[in-house]
Amino acid sequence: MSKGFDYSKWDNIELSDDESDCHPNIEKESWFRMKHRSRVEREEKEEADKKRICEDMTSDDIRLKEIELALNRIAKGAGGDDDEDELEDVEGMKVEAEGLLTR
């Protein structure tokens, strides 16, 4: 039977990835602070983008429900006033609904 591979030679490897991209004329502490600050700023921007996207999705869902209600009301003829139904752009609302669904 074969002996398993011994991975112990990699147990105490010293990683210096952060130092490899540092210019020799820049202090390492300054470089680490700058990298940390840019990471924090990027994470804050990503969080703000997520929040904005969620708000946009919520407003799109609300608008889609409004369009569906208006289309159902027009289709059933329960609008009451025929002049109001003529003012509604049914095709335009259908196109807008499709656009909201494909986002």
PDB file of N, CA and C in Angstrom:
ATOM      1  N   MET A   1       0.843  -1.164   0.000  1.00  0.00           N
ATOM      2  CA  MET A   1       0.000   0.000   0.000  1.00  0.00           C
ATOM      3  C   MET A   1       0.899   1.242   0.000  1.00  0.00           C
ATOM      4  N   SER A   2       0.442   2.274  -0.729  1.00  0.00           N
ATOM      5  CA  SER A   2       1.274   3.469  -0.855  1.00  0.00           C
ATOM      6  C   SER A   2       1.094   4.396   0.346  1.00  0.00           C
ATOM      7  N   LYS A   3       2.151   5.099   0.637  1.00  0.00           N
ATOM      8  CA  LYS A   3       2.155   6.049   1.739  1.00  0.00           C
ATOM      9  C   LYS A   3       1.513   7.360   1.266  1.00  0.00           C
ATOM     10  N   GLY A   4       0.695   8.006   2.119  1.00  0.00           N
ATOM     11  CA  GLY A   4       0.053   9.273   1.774  1.00  0.00           C
ATOM     12  C   GLY A   4       1.061  10.388   1.614  1.00  0.00           C
ATOM     13  N   PHE A   5       0.670  11.433   0.945  1.00  0.00           N
ATOM     14  CA  PHE A   5       1.555  12.563   0.710  1.00  0.00           C
ATOM     15  C   PHE A   5       1.685  13.400   1.971  1.00  0.00           C
ATOM     16  N   ASP A   6       2.890  13.844   2.280  1.00  0.00           N
ATOM     17  CA  ASP A   6       3.161  14.627   3.488  1.00  0.00           C
ATOM     18  C   ASP A   6       3.142  16.115   3.140  1.00  0.00           C
ATOM     19  N   TYR A   7       2.120  16.797   3.634  1.00  0.00           N
ATOM     20  CA  TYR A   7       1.962  18.221   3.363  1.00  0.00           C
ATOM     21  C   TYR A   7       2.599  19.099   4.441  1.00  0.00           C
ATOM     22  N   SER A   8       3.280  18.543   5.378  1.00  0.00           N
ATOM     23  CA  SER A   8       3.793  19.305   6.519  1.00  0.00           C
ATOM     24  C   SER A   8       4.828  20.356   6.126  1.00  0.00           C
ATOM     25  N   LYS A   9       5.464  20.216   4.983  1.00  0.00           N
ATOM     26  CA  LYS A   9       6.466  21.209   4.615  1.00  0.00           C
ATOM     27  C   LYS A   9       5.821  22.567   4.311  1.00  0.00           C
ATOM     28  N   TRP A  10       4.495  22.618   4.104  1.00  0.00           N
ATOM     29  CA  TRP A  10       3.796  23.880   3.845  1.00  0.00           C
ATOM     30  C   TRP A  10       3.117  24.446   5.095  1.00  0.00           C
ATOM     31  N   ASP A  11       3.320  23.852   6.239  1.00  0.00           N
ATOM     32  CA  ASP A  11       2.670  24.310   7.469  1.00  0.00           C
ATOM     33  C   ASP A  11       3.133  25.691   7.904  1.00  0.00           C
ATOM     34  N   ASN A  12       4.395  26.015   7.723  1.00  0.00           N
ATOM     35  CA  ASN A  12       4.952  27.266   8.239  1.00  0.00           C
ATOM     36  C   ASN A  12       5.409  28.198   7.123  1.00  0.00           C
ATOM     37  N   ILE A  13       4.619  28.306   6.082  1.00  0.00           N
ATOM     38  CA  ILE A  13       4.973  29.200   4.982  1.00  0.00           C
ATOM     39  C   ILE A  13       4.626  30.625   5.387  1.00  0.00           C
ATOM     40  N   GLU A  14       5.533  31.524   5.132  1.00  0.00           N
ATOM     41  CA  GLU A  14       5.299  32.931   5.450  1.00  0.00           C
ATOM     42  C   GLU A  14       4.821  33.628   4.180  1.00  0.00           C
ATOM     43  N   LEU A  15       3.593  34.129   4.200  1.00  0.00           N
ATOM     44  CA  LEU A  15       3.024  34.798   3.037  1.00  0.00           C
ATOM     45  C   LEU A  15       3.312  36.289   3.107  1.00  0.00           C
ATOM     46  N   SER A  16       3.738  36.827   1.987  1.00  0.00           N
ATOM     47  CA  SER A  16       4.021  38.255   1.957  1.00  0.00           C
ATOM     48  C   SER A  16       3.379  38.879   0.725  1.00  0.00           C
ATOM     49  N   ASP A  17       2.135  38.524   0.445  1.00  0.00           N
ATOM     50  CA  ASP A  17       1.448  39.052  -0.721  1.00  0.00           C
ATOM     51  C   ASP A  17       1.283  40.561  -0.656  1.00  0.00           C
ATOM     52  N   ASP A  18       1.016  41.090   0.539  1.00  0.00           N
ATOM     53  CA  ASP A  18       0.794  42.526   0.670  1.00  0.00           C
ATOM     54  C   ASP A  18       2.049  43.325   0.364  1.00  0.00           C
ATOM     55  N   GLU A  19       3.184  42.770   0.657  1.00  0.00           N
ATOM     56  CA  GLU A  19       4.435  43.481   0.444  1.00  0.00           C
ATOM     57  C   GLU A  19       4.876  43.431  -1.009  1.00  0.00           C
ATOM     58  N   SER A  20       4.422  42.452  -1.759  1.00  0.00           N
ATOM     59  CA  SER A  20       4.914  42.282  -3.121  1.00  0.00           C
ATOM     60  C   SER A  20       4.461  43.411  -4.041  1.00  0.00           C
ATOM     61  N   ASP A  21       3.316  44.025  -3.783  1.00  0.00           N
ATOM     62  CA  ASP A  21       2.850  45.084  -4.667  1.00  0.00           C
ATOM     63  C   ASP A  21       3.197  46.475  -4.140  1.00  0.00           C
ATOM     64  N   CYS A  22       3.998  46.548  -3.125  1.00  0.00           N
ATOM     65  CA  CYS A  22       4.404  47.829  -2.534  1.00  0.00           C
ATOM     66  C   CYS A  22       5.679  48.330  -3.224  1.00  0.00           C
ATOM     67  N   HIS A  23       5.647  49.590  -3.615  1.00  0.00           N
ATOM     68  CA  HIS A  23       6.816  50.194  -4.237  1.00  0.00           C
ATOM     69  C   HIS A  23       7.911  50.369  -3.182  1.00  0.00           C
ATOM     70  N   PRO A  24       9.178  50.180  -3.537  1.00  0.00           N
ATOM     71  CA  PRO A  24      10.259  50.280  -2.550  1.00  0.00           C
ATOM     72  C   PRO A  24      10.390  51.663  -1.904  1.00  0.00           C
ATOM     73  N   ASN A  25       9.897  52.711  -2.567  1.00  0.00           N
ATOM     74  CA  ASN A  25      10.015  54.058  -2.010  1.00  0.00           C
ATOM     75  C   ASN A  25       8.835  54.443  -1.118  1.00  0.00           C
ATOM     76  N   ILE A  26       7.895  53.543  -0.927  1.00  0.00           N
ATOM     77  CA  ILE A  26       6.719  53.834  -0.106  1.00  0.00           C
ATOM     78  C   ILE A  26       6.827  53.064   1.200  1.00  0.00           C
ATOM     79  N   GLU A  27       6.541  53.744   2.303  1.00  0.00           N
ATOM     80  CA  GLU A  27       6.543  53.061   3.593  1.00  0.00           C
ATOM     81  C   GLU A  27       5.476  51.977   3.608  1.00  0.00           C
ATOM     82  N   LYS A  28       5.813  50.848   4.170  1.00  0.00           N
ATOM     83  CA  LYS A  28       4.862  49.737   4.209  1.00  0.00           C
ATOM     84  C   LYS A  28       3.623  50.091   5.018  1.00  0.00           C
ATOM     85  N   GLU A  29       3.774  50.812   6.119  1.00  0.00           N
ATOM     86  CA  GLU A  29       2.628  51.179   6.947  1.00  0.00           C
ATOM     87  C   GLU A  29       1.678  52.098   6.187  1.00  0.00           C
ATOM     88  N   SER A  30       2.249  53.054   5.454  1.00  0.00           N
ATOM     89  CA  SER A  30       1.425  53.956   4.646  1.00  0.00           C
ATOM     90  C   SER A  30       0.698  53.188   3.554  1.00  0.00           C
ATOM     91  N   TRP A  31       1.416  52.248   2.954  1.00  0.00           N
ATOM     92  CA  TRP A  31       0.831  51.425   1.902  1.00  0.00           C
ATOM     93  C   TRP A  31      -0.338  50.600   2.452  1.00  0.00           C
ATOM     94  N   PHE A  32      -0.155  49.995   3.623  1.00  0.00           N
ATOM     95  CA  PHE A  32      -1.222  49.193   4.226  1.00  0.00           C
ATOM     96  C   PHE A  32      -2.424  50.059   4.585  1.00  0.00           C
ATOM     97  N   ARG A  33      -2.179  51.280   5.103  1.00  0.00           N
ATOM     98  CA  ARG A  33      -3.279  52.191   5.431  1.00  0.00           C
ATOM     99  C   ARG A  33      -4.057  52.575   4.173  1.00  0.00           C
ATOM    100  N   MET A  34      -3.316  52.853   3.087  1.00  0.00           N
ATOM    101  CA  MET A  34      -3.969  53.226   1.837  1.00  0.00           C
ATOM    102  C   MET A  34      -4.792  52.059   1.283  1.00  0.00           C
ATOM    103  N   LYS A  35      -4.247  50.856   1.320  1.00  0.00           N
ATOM    104  CA  LYS A  35      -4.964  49.675   0.845  1.00  0.00           C
ATOM    105  C   LYS A  35      -6.226  49.442   1.677  1.00  0.00           C
ATOM    106  N   HIS A  36      -6.106  49.605   2.996  1.00  0.00           N
ATOM    107  CA  HIS A  36      -7.251  49.414   3.885  1.00  0.00           C
ATOM    108  C   HIS A  36      -8.328  50.460   3.592  1.00  0.00           C
ATOM    109  N   ARG A  37      -7.900  51.725   3.442  1.00  0.00           N
ATOM    110  CA  ARG A  37      -8.856  52.801   3.171  1.00  0.00           C
ATOM    111  C   ARG A  37      -9.567  52.545   1.846  1.00  0.00           C
ATOM    112  N   SER A  38      -8.842  52.147   0.792  1.00  0.00           N
ATOM    113  CA  SER A  38      -9.503  51.886  -0.483  1.00  0.00           C
ATOM    114  C   SER A  38     -10.444  50.699  -0.408  1.00  0.00           C
ATOM    115  N   ARG A  39     -10.092  49.678   0.389  1.00  0.00           N
ATOM    116  CA  ARG A  39     -10.991  48.535   0.549  1.00  0.00           C
ATOM    117  C   ARG A  39     -12.268  48.961   1.255  1.00  0.00           C
ATOM    118  N   VAL A  40     -12.132  49.767   2.323  1.00  0.00           N
ATOM    119  CA  VAL A  40     -13.301  50.234   3.070  1.00  0.00           C
ATOM    120  C   VAL A  40     -14.186  51.104   2.179  1.00  0.00           C
ATOM    121  N   GLU A  41     -13.586  52.005   1.405  1.00  0.00           N
ATOM    122  CA  GLU A  41     -14.357  52.860   0.500  1.00  0.00           C
ATOM    123  C   GLU A  41     -15.083  52.033  -0.548  1.00  0.00           C
ATOM    124  N   ARG A  42     -14.416  51.028  -1.099  1.00  0.00           N
ATOM    125  CA  ARG A  42     -15.043  50.161  -2.096  1.00  0.00           C
ATOM    126  C   ARG A  42     -16.221  49.411  -1.494  1.00  0.00           C
ATOM    127  N   GLU A  43     -16.055  48.886  -0.262  1.00  0.00           N
ATOM    128  CA  GLU A  43     -17.136  48.164   0.395  1.00  0.00           C
ATOM    129  C   GLU A  43     -18.326  49.084   0.688  1.00  0.00           C
ATOM    130  N   GLU A  44     -18.043  50.344   1.088  1.00  0.00           N
ATOM    131  CA  GLU A  44     -19.122  51.304   1.334  1.00  0.00           C
ATOM    132  C   GLU A  44     -19.870  51.625   0.039  1.00  0.00           C
ATOM    133  N   LYS A  45     -19.121  51.783  -1.052  1.00  0.00           N
ATOM    134  CA  LYS A  45     -19.758  52.062  -2.342  1.00  0.00           C
ATOM    135  C   LYS A  45     -20.624  50.883  -2.776  1.00  0.00           C
ATOM    136  N   GLU A  46     -20.115  49.664  -2.609  1.00  0.00           N
ATOM    137  CA  GLU A  46     -20.895  48.484  -2.969  1.00  0.00           C
ATOM    138  C   GLU A  46     -22.172  48.393  -2.133  1.00  0.00           C
ATOM    139  N   GLU A  47     -22.079  48.711  -0.851  1.00  0.00           N
ATOM    140  CA  GLU A  47     -23.252  48.684   0.025  1.00  0.00           C
ATOM    141  C   GLU A  47     -24.274  49.730  -0.406  1.00  0.00           C
ATOM    142  N   ALA A  48     -23.799  50.929  -0.767  1.00  0.00           N
ATOM    143  CA  ALA A  48     -24.708  51.982  -1.237  1.00  0.00           C
ATOM    144  C   ALA A  48     -25.375  51.562  -2.544  1.00  0.00           C
ATOM    145  N   ASP A  49     -24.616  50.910  -3.432  1.00  0.00           N
ATOM    146  CA  ASP A  49     -25.190  50.424  -4.686  1.00  0.00           C
ATOM    147  C   ASP A  49     -26.256  49.367  -4.429  1.00  0.00           C
ATOM    148  N   LYS A  50     -25.987  48.457  -3.493  1.00  0.00           N
ATOM    149  CA  LYS A  50     -26.978  47.432  -3.151  1.00  0.00           C
ATOM    150  C   LYS A  50     -28.262  48.069  -2.638  1.00  0.00           C
ATOM    151  N   LYS A  51     -28.109  49.071  -1.764  1.00  0.00           N
ATOM    152  CA  LYS A  51     -29.276  49.751  -1.198  1.00  0.00           C
ATOM    153  C   LYS A  51     -30.070  50.448  -2.296  1.00  0.00           C
ATOM    154  N   ARG A  52     -29.375  51.134  -3.216  1.00  0.00           N
ATOM    155  CA  ARG A  52     -30.048  51.827  -4.311  1.00  0.00           C
ATOM    156  C   ARG A  52     -30.788  50.848  -5.213  1.00  0.00           C
ATOM    157  N   ILE A  53     -30.158  49.715  -5.496  1.00  0.00           N
ATOM    158  CA  ILE A  53     -30.784  48.708  -6.356  1.00  0.00           C
ATOM    159  C   ILE A  53     -32.037  48.149  -5.690  1.00  0.00           C
ATOM    160  N   CYS A  54     -31.970  47.882  -4.392  1.00  0.00           N
ATOM    161  CA  CYS A  54     -33.142  47.380  -3.672  1.00  0.00           C
ATOM    162  C   CYS A  54     -34.281  48.394  -3.695  1.00  0.00           C
ATOM    163  N   GLU A  55     -33.956  49.681  -3.510  1.00  0.00           N
ATOM    164  CA  GLU A  55     -34.977  50.720  -3.565  1.00  0.00           C
ATOM    165  C   GLU A  55     -35.588  50.811  -4.956  1.00  0.00           C
ATOM    166  N   ASP A  56     -34.743  50.709  -5.990  1.00  0.00           N
ATOM    167  CA  ASP A  56     -35.248  50.739  -7.367  1.00  0.00           C
ATOM    168  C   ASP A  56     -36.166  49.556  -7.638  1.00  0.00           C
ATOM    169  N   MET A  57     -35.778  48.379  -7.150  1.00  0.00           N
ATOM    170  CA  MET A  57     -36.606  47.194  -7.352  1.00  0.00           C
ATOM    171  C   MET A  57     -37.960  47.349  -6.660  1.00  0.00           C
ATOM    172  N   THR A  58     -37.958  47.915  -5.464  1.00  0.00           N
ATOM    173  CA  THR A  58     -39.203  48.118  -4.730  1.00  0.00           C
ATOM    174  C   THR A  58     -40.102  49.095  -5.476  1.00  0.00           C
ATOM    175  N   SER A  59     -39.531  50.198  -5.948  1.00  0.00           N
ATOM    176  CA  SER A  59     -40.352  51.174  -6.675  1.00  0.00           C
ATOM    177  C   SER A  59     -40.850  50.588  -7.999  1.00  0.00           C
ATOM    178  N   ASP A  60     -40.044  49.749  -8.653  1.00  0.00           N
ATOM    179  CA  ASP A  60     -40.479  49.091  -9.883  1.00  0.00           C
ATOM    180  C   ASP A  60     -41.630  48.133  -9.599  1.00  0.00           C
ATOM    181  N   ASP A  61     -41.546  47.388  -8.498  1.00  0.00           N
ATOM    182  CA  ASP A  61     -42.633  46.476  -8.134  1.00  0.00           C
ATOM    183  C   ASP A  61     -43.926  47.236  -7.872  1.00  0.00           C
ATOM    184  N   ILE A  62     -43.831  48.366  -7.183  1.00  0.00           N
ATOM    185  CA  ILE A  62     -45.019  49.175  -6.895  1.00  0.00           C
ATOM    186  C   ILE A  62     -45.624  49.696  -8.195  1.00  0.00           C
ATOM    187  N   ARG A  63     -44.771  50.212  -9.085  1.00  0.00           N
ATOM    188  CA  ARG A  63     -45.271  50.737 -10.370  1.00  0.00           C
ATOM    189  C   ARG A  63     -45.892  49.626 -11.198  1.00  0.00           C
ATOM    190  N   LEU A  64     -45.306  48.432 -11.199  1.00  0.00           N
ATOM    191  CA  LEU A  64     -45.846  47.303 -11.946  1.00  0.00           C
ATOM    192  C   LEU A  64     -47.233  46.930 -11.430  1.00  0.00           C
ATOM    193  N   LYS A  65     -47.416  46.925 -10.115  1.00  0.00           N
ATOM    194  CA  LYS A  65     -48.735  46.628  -9.543  1.00  0.00           C
ATOM    195  C   LYS A  65     -49.752  47.688  -9.934  1.00  0.00           C
ATOM    196  N   GLU A  66     -49.339  48.965  -9.943  1.00  0.00           N
ATOM    197  CA  GLU A  66     -50.241  50.042 -10.365  1.00  0.00           C
ATOM    198  C   GLU A  66     -50.678  49.850 -11.813  1.00  0.00           C
ATOM    199  N   ILE A  67     -49.730  49.490 -12.665  1.00  0.00           N
ATOM    200  CA  ILE A  67     -50.050  49.279 -14.083  1.00  0.00           C
ATOM    201  C   ILE A  67     -51.005  48.104 -14.240  1.00  0.00           C
ATOM    202  N   GLU A  68     -50.726  47.006 -13.533  1.00  0.00           N
ATOM    203  CA  GLU A  68     -51.598  45.832 -13.633  1.00  0.00           C
ATOM    204  C   GLU A  68     -53.014  46.157 -13.164  1.00  0.00           C
ATOM    205  N   LEU A  69     -53.149  46.911 -12.079  1.00  0.00           N
ATOM    206  CA  LEU A  69     -54.474  47.305 -11.593  1.00  0.00           C
ATOM    207  C   LEU A  69     -55.199  48.171 -12.617  1.00  0.00           C
ATOM    208  N   ALA A  70     -54.485  49.121 -13.207  1.00  0.00           N
ATOM    209  CA  ALA A  70     -55.102  49.998 -14.202  1.00  0.00           C
ATOM    210  C   ALA A  70     -55.525  49.205 -15.429  1.00  0.00           C
ATOM    211  N   LEU A  71     -54.667  48.283 -15.880  1.00  0.00           N
ATOM    212  CA  LEU A  71     -55.022  47.466 -17.049  1.00  0.00           C
ATOM    213  C   LEU A  71     -56.219  46.571 -16.754  1.00  0.00           C
ATOM    214  N   ASN A  72     -56.259  45.991 -15.555  1.00  0.00           N
ATOM    215  CA  ASN A  72     -57.409  45.155 -15.183  1.00  0.00           C
ATOM    216  C   ASN A  72     -58.689  45.982 -15.122  1.00  0.00           C
ATOM    217  N   ARG A  73     -58.592  47.191 -14.571  1.00  0.00           N
ATOM    218  CA  ARG A  73     -59.749  48.069 -14.466  1.00  0.00           C
ATOM    219  C   ARG A  73     -60.254  48.439 -15.859  1.00  0.00           C
ATOM    220  N   ILE A  74     -59.333  48.738 -16.769  1.00  0.00           N
ATOM    221  CA  ILE A  74     -59.719  49.094 -18.133  1.00  0.00           C
ATOM    222  C   ILE A  74     -60.319  47.897 -18.845  1.00  0.00           C
ATOM    223  N   ALA A  75     -59.705  46.704 -18.660  1.00  0.00           N
ATOM    224  CA  ALA A  75     -60.186  45.496 -19.327  1.00  0.00           C
ATOM    225  C   ALA A  75     -61.594  45.131 -18.868  1.00  0.00           C
ATOM    226  N   LYS A  76     -61.894  45.337 -17.592  1.00  0.00           N
ATOM    227  CA  LYS A  76     -63.214  44.991 -17.056  1.00  0.00           C
ATOM    228  C   LYS A  76     -64.240  46.088 -17.325  1.00  0.00           C
ATOM    229  N   GLY A  77     -63.760  47.249 -17.704  1.00  0.00           N
ATOM    230  CA  GLY A  77     -64.670  48.348 -17.964  1.00  0.00           C
ATOM    231  C   GLY A  77     -65.267  48.926 -16.697  1.00  0.00           C
ATOM    232  N   ALA A  78     -64.594  48.720 -15.558  1.00  0.00           N
ATOM    233  CA  ALA A  78     -65.120  49.183 -14.269  1.00  0.00           C
ATOM    234  C   ALA A  78     -64.627  50.575 -13.932  1.00  0.00           C
ATOM    235  N   GLY A  79     -64.120  51.277 -14.936  1.00  0.00           N
ATOM    236  CA  GLY A  79     -63.603  52.613 -14.676  1.00  0.00           C
ATOM    237  C   GLY A  79     -64.677  53.615 -14.359  1.00  0.00           C
ATOM    238  N   GLY A  80     -65.901  53.334 -14.818  1.00  0.00           N
ATOM    239  CA  GLY A  80     -66.993  54.251 -14.537  1.00  0.00           C
ATOM    240  C   GLY A  80     -67.105  55.315 -15.601  1.00  0.00           C
ATOM    241  N   ASP A  81     -66.098  56.085 -15.860  1.00  0.00           N
ATOM    242  CA  ASP A  81     -66.119  57.185 -16.810  1.00  0.00           C
ATOM    243  C   ASP A  81     -65.386  56.752 -18.072  1.00  0.00           C
ATOM    244  N   ASP A  82     -66.103  56.724 -19.211  1.00  0.00           N
ATOM    245  CA  ASP A  82     -65.496  56.285 -20.469  1.00  0.00           C
ATOM    246  C   ASP A  82     -64.409  57.231 -20.941  1.00  0.00           C
ATOM    247  N   ASP A  83     -64.538  58.524 -20.628  1.00  0.00           N
ATOM    248  CA  ASP A  83     -63.513  59.486 -21.033  1.00  0.00           C
ATOM    249  C   ASP A  83     -62.179  59.169 -20.369  1.00  0.00           C
ATOM    250  N   GLU A  84     -62.250  58.693 -19.125  1.00  0.00           N
ATOM    251  CA  GLU A  84     -61.013  58.361 -18.402  1.00  0.00           C
ATOM    252  C   GLU A  84     -60.309  57.188 -19.058  1.00  0.00           C
ATOM    253  N   ASP A  85     -61.083  56.182 -19.524  1.00  0.00           N
ATOM    254  CA  ASP A  85     -60.492  55.021 -20.188  1.00  0.00           C
ATOM    255  C   ASP A  85     -59.822  55.421 -21.504  1.00  0.00           C
ATOM    256  N   GLU A  86     -60.403  56.380 -22.203  1.00  0.00           N
ATOM    257  CA  GLU A  86     -59.816  56.812 -23.464  1.00  0.00           C
ATOM    258  C   GLU A  86     -58.494  57.527 -23.241  1.00  0.00           C
ATOM    259  N   LEU A  87     -58.348  58.166 -22.082  1.00  0.00           N
ATOM    260  CA  LEU A  87     -57.110  58.877 -21.788  1.00  0.00           C
ATOM    261  C   LEU A  87     -55.964  57.930 -21.436  1.00  0.00           C
ATOM    262  N   GLU A  88     -56.292  56.714 -20.997  1.00  0.00           N
ATOM    263  CA  GLU A  88     -55.256  55.756 -20.618  1.00  0.00           C
ATOM    264  C   GLU A  88     -54.594  55.184 -21.871  1.00  0.00           C
ATOM    265  N   ASP A  89     -53.308  55.151 -21.884  1.00  0.00           N
ATOM    266  CA  ASP A  89     -52.544  54.582 -22.992  1.00  0.00           C
ATOM    267  C   ASP A  89     -52.261  53.123 -22.661  1.00  0.00           C
ATOM    268  N   VAL A  90     -53.154  52.256 -23.103  1.00  0.00           N
ATOM    269  CA  VAL A  90     -53.054  50.837 -22.756  1.00  0.00           C
ATOM    270  C   VAL A  90     -51.773  50.228 -23.310  1.00  0.00           C
ATOM    271  N   GLU A  91     -51.488  50.492 -24.561  1.00  0.00           N
ATOM    272  CA  GLU A  91     -50.278  49.919 -25.173  1.00  0.00           C
ATOM    273  C   GLU A  91     -49.022  50.452 -24.475  1.00  0.00           C
ATOM    274  N   GLY A  92     -49.039  51.722 -24.158  1.00  0.00           N
ATOM    275  CA  GLY A  92     -47.896  52.309 -23.455  1.00  0.00           C
ATOM    276  C   GLY A  92     -47.683  51.667 -22.088  1.00  0.00           C
ATOM    277  N   MET A  93     -48.776  51.399 -21.379  1.00  0.00           N
ATOM    278  CA  MET A  93     -48.654  50.748 -20.070  1.00  0.00           C
ATOM    279  C   MET A  93     -48.150  49.325 -20.208  1.00  0.00           C
ATOM    280  N   LYS A  94     -48.584  48.624 -21.257  1.00  0.00           N
ATOM    281  CA  LYS A  94     -48.104  47.256 -21.478  1.00  0.00           C
ATOM    282  C   LYS A  94     -46.604  47.254 -21.773  1.00  0.00           C
ATOM    283  N   VAL A  95     -46.150  48.207 -22.578  1.00  0.00           N
ATOM    284  CA  VAL A  95     -44.720  48.304 -22.897  1.00  0.00           C
ATOM    285  C   VAL A  95     -43.923  48.649 -21.645  1.00  0.00           C
ATOM    286  N   GLU A  96     -44.469  49.568 -20.834  1.00  0.00           N
ATOM    287  CA  GLU A  96     -43.775  49.930 -19.602  1.00  0.00           C
ATOM    288  C   GLU A  96     -43.691  48.731 -18.645  1.00  0.00           C
ATOM    289  N   ALA A  97     -44.776  47.967 -18.542  1.00  0.00           N
ATOM    290  CA  ALA A  97     -44.785  46.771 -17.689  1.00  0.00           C
ATOM    291  C   ALA A  97     -43.750  45.754 -18.161  1.00  0.00           C
ATOM    292  N   GLU A  98     -43.671  45.553 -19.484  1.00  0.00           N
ATOM    293  CA  GLU A  98     -42.668  44.620 -20.017  1.00  0.00           C
ATOM    294  C   GLU A  98     -41.256  45.105 -19.721  1.00  0.00           C
ATOM    295  N   GLY A  99     -41.049  46.418 -19.829  1.00  0.00           N
ATOM    296  CA  GLY A  99     -39.753  46.986 -19.526  1.00  0.00           C
ATOM    297  C   GLY A  99     -39.375  46.792 -18.052  1.00  0.00           C
ATOM    298  N   LEU A 100     -40.364  46.936 -17.169  1.00  0.00           N
ATOM    299  CA  LEU A 100     -40.086  46.721 -15.751  1.00  0.00           C
ATOM    300  C   LEU A 100     -39.787  45.265 -15.441  1.00  0.00           C
ATOM    301  N   LEU A 101     -40.426  44.368 -16.167  1.00  0.00           N
ATOM    302  CA  LEU A 101     -40.199  42.935 -15.923  1.00  0.00           C
ATOM    303  C   LEU A 101     -38.833  42.475 -16.441  1.00  0.00           C
ATOM    304  N   THR A 102     -38.299  43.142 -17.441  1.00  0.00           N
ATOM    305  CA  THR A 102     -37.029  42.699 -18.024  1.00  0.00           C
ATOM    306  C   THR A 102     -35.819  43.326 -17.347  1.00  0.00           C
ATOM    307  N   ARG A 103     -36.023  44.219 -16.423  1.00  0.00           N
ATOM    308  CA  ARG A 103     -34.880  44.832 -15.728  1.00  0.00           C
ATOM    309  C   ARG A 103     -34.165  43.853 -14.874  1.00  0.00           C
TER     310      ARG A 103
END
